[in-house]
Amino acid sequence: MNQLDALKQFTTVVADTGDFKQLAQFQPQDATTNPSLILKAVQKADYAHLLQETLQQYRKAPLDETMDRLLVRFGREILSIIPGRVSTEVDARLSFDTAGSIKRAERIIALYRAEGVPVERVLIKVAATWEGIEAARQLEERGIRTNLTLLFSFSQAVACAQARVQLISPFVGRIYDWYKKSAGSNWDEAASAGVNDPGVRSVRQIYHYYKHFDIATEVMGASFRNVGQILALAGCDLLTISPELMAQLAGTGEPVSRALDPAQAKAMQIERISYDEPSFRYALNEDAMASEKLGEGIRAFAADAIKLEALMKG
C-alpha cells in the first residue's frame, strides 16, 4: 500500500487544484479551488477553452457574474470526477463585506443549482475575517455550507466554531513560511519538522480543541510545503493536497501511522474560549504571524482575481 492510500484510512484526502484532469489518478474524495488555482489552470492549453466558452456564452453579463460562472464551470467539471464536494471561493475583495459575501455566495449556489448540482456538494469558501465568519454563520443558517479559508490562528478557529461553520482550512505551509522567514539564518529545518513544524502545531491545537469539546466543524489542513507536514497530521478530518504532493505520497510505500486521534483530545485538559468582535479582533491583532498572513493572503487572492478579470476582458 502506498502512503496516499494509507493516509486515506485515517483522513479524507482532498485535491487542491484547478487542474481537474489530474484528479482521477489520485481518487480524492473532495476538491478545493481558489482564484490563484483557476488563474493558473485557464492559462494552460487544456483549460483555455473553458474560459473562451464562458466568455462567449455570457458576453453580455457583468464581469463579476461571468467570473462566478467560470468558477462554477470548473466546479462542475471537478464534481464529474470526484464523489464528494468542491469548494468554490467568494471574491477575496469582499473579505470585509458581510452582506457582499452573502450575496455572492448565494449567486454561486444558484448557478450550481441551475446546473443540477445539489447544494450539499458545494462548499463556499470565505476568508476567516470577522466579517467573513459572520457571513458564513448566516449562510449556514440558510443551508449553504461554508469553508473558512486563510485561517492562521487559534482565535480564527474558535470564532468559526462559534459560528457553526461546516469546515475550516488552516494554512499549514504559510504558517511555516512565516516562521522560517522570521528566524532567518537561525532556522533549524530538522528541529522544526514533523510535530515541531509551527504550521503542524497550529492544526494540532485546533484539532484537539474541536474534538475535546465535540465541535462539529471539520478541520482540513491546507497549504502544504512537504509530505512531512501531511504525515504529521494523519488523522485530521481532511487534508487538501496538491497533485504534486499526492504524487509523492503515491510513489512511496513507507508506513503511515495515525498522528491525530479524537480519544487523545478527549483526555486533554483544555479550557473553553469564546470571542465577541472586540476580543476576536484584539486576539488576531496580537498574533503577528496570523495578522500578516491573513492580509497578505487576501491581497494575493484579490490580485489573482484582478488578473483573471484582465484575461476575461481580453
Protein backbone atom coordinates (compact mmCIF):
# COMPACT_ATOMS: atom_id res chain seq x y z
CA MET A 1 0.00 0.00 0.00
CA ASN A 2 1.39 3.43 -0.89
CA GLN A 3 1.35 6.36 1.53
CA LEU A 4 -1.57 8.10 -0.17
CA ASP A 5 -3.78 5.02 0.19
CA ALA A 6 -2.56 4.53 3.77
CA LEU A 7 -3.38 8.16 4.61
CA LYS A 8 -6.93 7.65 3.30
CA GLN A 9 -7.50 5.11 6.11
CA PHE A 10 -7.30 7.92 8.68
CA THR A 11 -8.12 11.10 6.78
CA THR A 12 -10.34 12.30 3.93
CA VAL A 13 -7.97 13.28 1.13
CA VAL A 14 -8.94 16.39 -0.82
CA ALA A 15 -7.31 17.62 -4.04
CA ASP A 16 -6.10 21.22 -4.02
CA THR A 17 -6.16 22.16 -7.69
CA GLY A 18 -7.98 23.71 -10.64
CA ASP A 19 -6.20 21.23 -12.92
CA PHE A 20 -9.01 18.66 -12.76
CA LYS A 21 -7.52 16.36 -15.41
CA GLN A 22 -5.00 15.24 -12.80
CA LEU A 23 -7.68 14.20 -10.31
CA ALA A 24 -8.79 10.75 -11.45
CA GLN A 25 -5.44 9.05 -10.86
CA PHE A 26 -5.40 10.05 -7.17
CA GLN A 27 -9.09 9.39 -6.40
CA PRO A 28 -9.62 12.15 -3.82
CA GLN A 29 -12.97 12.45 -2.05
CA ASP A 30 -13.31 16.24 -2.35
CA ALA A 31 -11.53 19.09 -4.15
CA THR A 32 -10.76 22.72 -3.38
CA THR A 33 -10.13 25.63 -5.73
CA ASN A 34 -9.20 29.28 -5.30
CA PRO A 35 -8.68 32.24 -7.65
CA SER A 36 -4.94 31.55 -7.94
CA LEU A 37 -5.52 27.92 -8.95
CA ILE A 38 -8.20 28.84 -11.51
CA LEU A 39 -5.97 31.57 -12.96
CA LYS A 40 -3.15 29.04 -13.30
CA ALA A 41 -5.47 26.50 -14.94
CA VAL A 42 -7.05 28.78 -17.56
CA GLN A 43 -3.60 29.71 -18.84
CA LYS A 44 -2.96 26.06 -19.78
CA ALA A 45 -3.94 24.81 -23.23
CA ASP A 46 -6.10 22.06 -21.69
CA TYR A 47 -8.41 24.57 -20.00
CA ALA A 48 -8.30 27.74 -22.12
CA HIS A 49 -11.47 26.64 -23.92
CA LEU A 50 -13.45 26.78 -20.66
CA LEU A 51 -12.64 30.47 -20.35
CA GLN A 52 -13.45 31.16 -24.00
CA GLU A 53 -16.73 29.22 -23.93
CA THR A 54 -17.85 31.00 -20.75
CA LEU A 55 -16.99 34.41 -22.20
CA GLN A 56 -18.81 33.65 -25.43
CA GLN A 57 -21.91 32.30 -23.72
CA TYR A 58 -22.22 35.17 -21.23
CA ARG A 59 -20.58 38.06 -23.10
CA LYS A 60 -23.39 40.45 -22.13
CA ALA A 61 -23.25 39.60 -18.42
CA PRO A 62 -21.41 41.79 -15.87
CA LEU A 63 -17.78 40.77 -15.33
CA ASP A 64 -18.30 39.61 -11.76
CA GLU A 65 -21.15 37.32 -12.84
CA THR A 66 -19.06 35.87 -15.67
CA MET A 67 -16.27 35.23 -13.16
CA ASP A 68 -18.67 33.26 -10.95
CA ARG A 69 -19.92 31.31 -13.97
CA LEU A 70 -16.31 30.38 -14.81
CA LEU A 71 -15.70 29.21 -11.22
CA VAL A 72 -18.88 27.13 -11.36
CA ARG A 73 -17.84 25.67 -14.73
CA PHE A 74 -14.61 24.43 -13.16
CA GLY A 75 -16.55 23.19 -10.15
CA ARG A 76 -18.93 21.19 -12.36
CA GLU A 77 -16.02 19.55 -14.20
CA ILE A 78 -14.39 18.64 -10.88
CA LEU A 79 -17.64 17.23 -9.48
CA SER A 80 -17.95 14.95 -12.52
CA ILE A 81 -14.71 13.26 -11.41
CA ILE A 82 -14.87 13.21 -7.60
CA PRO A 83 -17.61 11.66 -5.43
CA GLY A 84 -17.71 14.41 -2.78
CA ARG A 85 -17.71 18.19 -2.53
CA VAL A 86 -15.98 21.06 -4.29
CA SER A 87 -15.04 24.33 -2.61
CA THR A 88 -15.64 27.50 -4.64
CA GLU A 89 -14.36 30.83 -3.36
CA VAL A 90 -16.12 34.15 -2.97
CA ASP A 91 -14.12 37.08 -4.40
CA ALA A 92 -11.40 37.99 -1.86
CA ARG A 93 -12.19 41.68 -2.40
CA LEU A 94 -15.35 41.01 -0.34
CA SER A 95 -13.37 39.73 2.66
CA PHE A 96 -14.52 42.64 4.84
CA ASP A 97 -18.06 42.85 3.44
CA THR A 98 -20.52 40.51 5.16
CA ALA A 99 -23.54 41.41 3.01
CA GLY A 100 -21.48 41.33 -0.20
CA SER A 101 -20.06 37.92 0.65
CA ILE A 102 -23.52 36.52 1.35
CA LYS A 103 -24.90 37.90 -1.91
CA ARG A 104 -22.01 36.46 -3.93
CA ALA A 105 -22.23 33.09 -2.17
CA GLU A 106 -25.96 32.83 -2.84
CA ARG A 107 -25.39 33.58 -6.53
CA ILE A 108 -22.70 30.90 -6.80
CA ILE A 109 -25.05 28.37 -5.20
CA ALA A 110 -27.89 29.45 -7.53
CA LEU A 111 -25.60 28.91 -10.53
CA TYR A 112 -24.69 25.43 -9.30
CA ARG A 113 -28.35 24.60 -8.70
CA ALA A 114 -29.22 25.78 -12.22
CA GLU A 115 -26.69 23.20 -13.48
CA GLY A 116 -28.34 20.46 -11.41
CA VAL A 117 -25.67 20.34 -8.71
CA PRO A 118 -27.10 19.66 -5.21
CA VAL A 119 -26.20 22.30 -2.61
CA GLU A 120 -24.70 19.55 -0.42
CA ARG A 121 -21.89 19.06 -2.93
CA VAL A 122 -20.64 22.66 -2.73
CA LEU A 123 -18.72 24.47 -0.01
CA ILE A 124 -18.48 28.25 -0.30
CA LYS A 125 -15.01 29.48 0.63
CA VAL A 126 -14.88 32.71 2.60
CA ALA A 127 -11.88 34.38 4.23
CA ALA A 128 -11.81 33.91 8.03
CA THR A 129 -12.06 37.62 8.83
CA TRP A 130 -14.65 38.69 11.40
CA GLU A 131 -16.92 39.77 8.53
CA GLY A 132 -16.31 36.53 6.61
CA ILE A 133 -17.08 34.40 9.66
CA GLU A 134 -20.32 36.36 10.22
CA ALA A 135 -21.26 35.85 6.56
CA ALA A 136 -20.60 32.12 6.97
CA ARG A 137 -22.76 31.98 10.10
CA GLN A 138 -25.69 33.47 8.18
CA LEU A 139 -25.08 31.26 5.14
CA GLU A 140 -25.04 28.13 7.32
CA GLU A 141 -28.39 29.19 8.79
CA ARG A 142 -29.71 29.35 5.21
CA GLY A 143 -28.48 25.83 4.41
CA ILE A 144 -25.36 26.88 2.49
CA ARG A 145 -22.24 25.11 3.73
CA THR A 146 -19.02 27.04 4.10
CA ASN A 147 -15.26 26.52 4.11
CA LEU A 148 -13.42 29.23 6.06
CA THR A 149 -10.09 29.84 4.35
CA LEU A 150 -6.99 31.94 5.06
CA LEU A 151 -7.07 30.65 8.62
CA PHE A 152 -3.81 31.08 10.54
CA SER A 153 -4.73 31.48 14.20
CA PHE A 154 -6.43 29.68 17.04
CA SER A 155 -8.68 32.72 17.56
CA GLN A 156 -9.99 32.39 13.99
CA ALA A 157 -10.70 28.69 14.57
CA VAL A 158 -12.59 29.38 17.81
CA ALA A 159 -14.72 32.09 16.16
CA CYS A 160 -15.50 29.71 13.28
CA ALA A 161 -16.62 27.05 15.76
CA GLN A 162 -18.91 29.57 17.46
CA ALA A 163 -20.41 30.38 14.05
CA ARG A 164 -21.02 26.63 13.45
CA VAL A 165 -19.36 26.67 10.04
CA GLN A 166 -19.06 23.41 8.15
CA LEU A 167 -15.29 23.36 7.67
CA ILE A 168 -12.11 25.35 8.28
CA SER A 169 -8.86 25.33 6.29
CA PRO A 170 -5.86 26.19 8.47
CA PHE A 171 -2.88 27.03 6.22
CA VAL A 172 -0.01 24.87 7.40
CA GLY A 173 2.57 25.86 4.78
CA ARG A 174 2.05 29.59 5.02
CA ILE A 175 2.44 29.48 8.82
CA TYR A 176 5.67 27.50 8.30
CA ASP A 177 6.81 30.08 5.71
CA TRP A 178 6.36 32.97 8.15
CA TYR A 179 8.29 31.37 11.00
CA LYS A 180 11.08 30.24 8.67
CA LYS A 181 11.43 33.74 7.20
CA SER A 182 11.24 35.33 10.65
CA ALA A 183 14.01 33.09 12.01
CA GLY A 184 16.30 33.79 9.06
CA SER A 185 19.73 32.20 9.46
CA ASN A 186 18.70 30.80 12.87
CA TRP A 187 16.08 28.50 11.31
CA ASP A 188 16.74 24.83 12.04
CA GLU A 189 14.81 22.76 9.48
CA ALA A 190 15.32 19.42 11.23
CA ALA A 191 14.29 20.77 14.64
CA SER A 192 11.19 22.40 13.11
CA ALA A 193 9.93 19.38 11.17
CA GLY A 194 7.12 16.89 11.86
CA VAL A 195 5.15 17.64 15.03
CA ASN A 196 7.51 20.57 15.74
CA ASP A 197 6.60 22.32 12.48
CA PRO A 198 4.81 25.56 13.51
CA GLY A 199 2.06 25.01 10.92
CA VAL A 200 1.51 21.44 12.10
CA ARG A 201 1.41 22.58 15.74
CA SER A 202 -1.30 25.12 14.89
CA VAL A 203 -3.56 22.50 13.28
CA ARG A 204 -2.96 20.03 16.12
CA GLN A 205 -4.06 22.64 18.67
CA ILE A 206 -7.25 23.38 16.72
CA TYR A 207 -8.00 19.68 16.16
CA HIS A 208 -7.57 18.86 19.87
CA TYR A 209 -9.79 21.79 20.89
CA TYR A 210 -12.55 20.82 18.47
CA LYS A 211 -12.55 17.14 19.39
CA HIS A 212 -12.31 17.81 23.12
CA PHE A 213 -15.47 19.93 23.02
CA ASP A 214 -17.30 17.84 20.36
CA ILE A 215 -17.31 20.74 17.91
CA ALA A 216 -18.83 19.51 14.64
CA THR A 217 -16.86 21.86 12.36
CA GLU A 218 -14.48 19.84 10.17
CA VAL A 219 -10.75 20.59 10.26
CA MET A 220 -8.98 20.45 6.91
CA GLY A 221 -5.24 21.12 6.91
CA ALA A 222 -4.22 23.06 3.78
CA SER A 223 -1.28 24.73 2.03
CA PHE A 224 1.41 22.08 2.46
CA ARG A 225 5.07 22.53 1.58
CA ASN A 226 6.21 18.92 2.01
CA VAL A 227 4.91 15.41 2.71
CA GLY A 228 6.32 15.54 6.25
CA GLN A 229 3.71 18.15 7.18
CA ILE A 230 0.96 15.97 5.74
CA LEU A 231 2.06 12.78 7.52
CA ALA A 232 2.39 14.67 10.83
CA LEU A 233 -1.37 15.42 10.53
CA ALA A 234 -2.55 11.91 9.54
CA GLY A 235 -5.90 11.51 11.29
CA CYS A 236 -7.01 15.11 10.76
CA ASP A 237 -10.61 15.19 9.45
CA LEU A 238 -9.45 16.20 5.96
CA LEU A 239 -6.22 17.30 4.28
CA THR A 240 -6.24 19.20 0.99
CA ILE A 241 -3.14 18.33 -1.01
CA SER A 242 -1.68 19.49 -4.32
CA PRO A 243 -1.37 16.91 -7.13
CA GLU A 244 2.43 17.19 -6.87
CA LEU A 245 2.46 16.15 -3.20
CA MET A 246 -0.19 13.47 -3.80
CA ALA A 247 2.13 12.01 -6.45
CA GLN A 248 4.97 11.94 -3.91
CA LEU A 249 2.77 10.12 -1.38
CA ALA A 250 1.57 7.67 -4.04
CA GLY A 251 5.16 6.96 -5.03
CA THR A 252 6.34 5.53 -1.72
CA GLY A 253 5.30 2.57 0.40
CA GLU A 254 6.71 3.77 3.73
CA PRO A 255 4.27 3.09 6.60
CA VAL A 256 1.87 5.80 7.79
CA SER A 257 0.75 5.98 11.41
CA ARG A 258 -2.14 7.96 12.83
CA ALA A 259 -0.90 11.21 14.39
CA LEU A 260 -4.22 12.75 15.50
CA ASP A 261 -6.88 10.88 17.44
CA PRO A 262 -10.15 12.19 18.96
CA ALA A 263 -9.74 9.94 22.01
CA GLN A 264 -6.44 11.60 22.90
CA ALA A 265 -8.06 15.03 22.57
CA LYS A 266 -10.86 13.99 24.93
CA ALA A 267 -8.35 13.17 27.65
CA MET A 268 -6.60 16.54 27.48
CA GLN A 269 -7.07 19.45 29.88
CA ILE A 270 -8.33 22.22 27.59
CA GLU A 271 -10.02 25.49 28.51
CA ARG A 272 -13.10 26.62 26.59
CA ILE A 273 -12.73 30.02 24.97
CA SER A 274 -15.23 32.40 23.36
CA TYR A 275 -14.89 35.63 21.43
CA ASP A 276 -17.04 38.61 20.67
CA GLU A 277 -15.99 41.03 17.94
CA PRO A 278 -13.66 43.24 20.03
CA SER A 279 -11.90 40.32 21.73
CA PHE A 280 -11.55 38.46 18.43
CA ARG A 281 -10.00 41.48 16.72
CA TYR A 282 -7.61 42.00 19.62
CA ALA A 283 -6.57 38.32 19.73
CA LEU A 284 -5.93 38.31 15.98
CA ASN A 285 -4.00 41.57 16.24
CA GLU A 286 -1.82 40.07 19.00
CA ASP A 287 -0.79 37.27 16.62
CA ALA A 288 1.69 38.98 14.27
CA MET A 289 2.03 35.92 12.03
CA ALA A 290 -1.74 35.47 11.57
CA SER A 291 -2.35 39.19 11.01
CA GLU A 292 0.38 39.41 8.38
CA LYS A 293 -0.50 36.18 6.56
CA LEU A 294 -4.25 36.95 6.54
CA GLY A 295 -3.68 40.37 4.99
CA GLU A 296 -1.11 39.01 2.56
CA GLY A 297 -3.39 36.12 1.54
CA ILE A 298 -6.37 38.40 0.87
CA ARG A 299 -4.18 40.71 -1.23
CA ALA A 300 -2.74 37.79 -3.23
CA PHE A 301 -6.15 36.22 -3.96
CA ALA A 302 -7.57 39.64 -4.88
CA ALA A 303 -4.63 40.30 -7.21
CA ASP A 304 -5.20 36.96 -8.96
CA ALA A 305 -8.92 37.71 -9.29
CA ILE A 306 -7.97 41.01 -10.99
CA LYS A 307 -5.56 39.14 -13.33
CA LEU A 308 -8.34 36.69 -14.17
CA GLU A 309 -10.68 39.59 -14.94
CA ALA A 310 -8.00 41.10 -17.19
CA LEU A 311 -7.84 37.84 -19.14
CA MET A 312 -11.60 37.86 -19.43
CA LYS A 313 -11.60 41.40 -20.80
CA GLY A 314 -9.10 40.25 -23.41
